[in-house]
């Protein structure tokens, strides 16, 4: 399936793939339950730490999930960009997996600080051109996505789509003229879709996490489900 390039709404993740991914993240210790403070200052009952995909086997399997989700989405792209820092190994791993599946595409990433020797600059890898797919772990405020989009456009390429592992499906925040941080009525993913006109491919969403917990009713899972559901009811978006 190939998506109309004018369409920006991402379809729901494949249900079976999403459940398999959530289970994998729980088993790997990447997805944890408890009380964790987010960048927005919220106390979240769960935490997704992509930095704990910390060995070859886990990173390789993660790349398989990304590749399957991308193939299912039908999103077309000409190259991959991995934003510093977590996006660098993610983008590299996904490009390797896609090549293994017969889809070899160029890969590039950026540095946080410009290099003043050798090739110089902040961009490394293949030249940015054509329709670029950004690969990252999650989108919270969308700040990293906007920075990547600016870099891609400055290089003369098209920021076409973003692939993420988990959509938290919660309200983004913005700083008002008075310096106060406020919730807004859309998520970072919705902002990227509606305001920036980009497609978003997601392996799993908060709704899939709730489904996972619901299917394992009993004991600690009941408590986790109640807390995650309450969190979504307070901060969630449609």
Foldseek 3Di string as FASTA:
>chain_A
DADDLQAAEFDAADLVLQLVLVVLCVVLVQKDADWDQDPLRDTARIHGHPPSCPDDVSLLVLLVLLLVLCVVRNYDWAAEEQEPDQRPSNRVSNQVVVVVVVDHHWYKYFAPDWDPDDVTGTIDTDQQAEEYEYEDAEDAQLPSVVVVQVVSVVSVHHPAEYEYAEYAQFFHWDQDPVRDIDTDQGGSSVCCCPVVVHHYGYSYYLVSVLVSLVVVDDDPSVVSNVRSVVVCVVTHHD
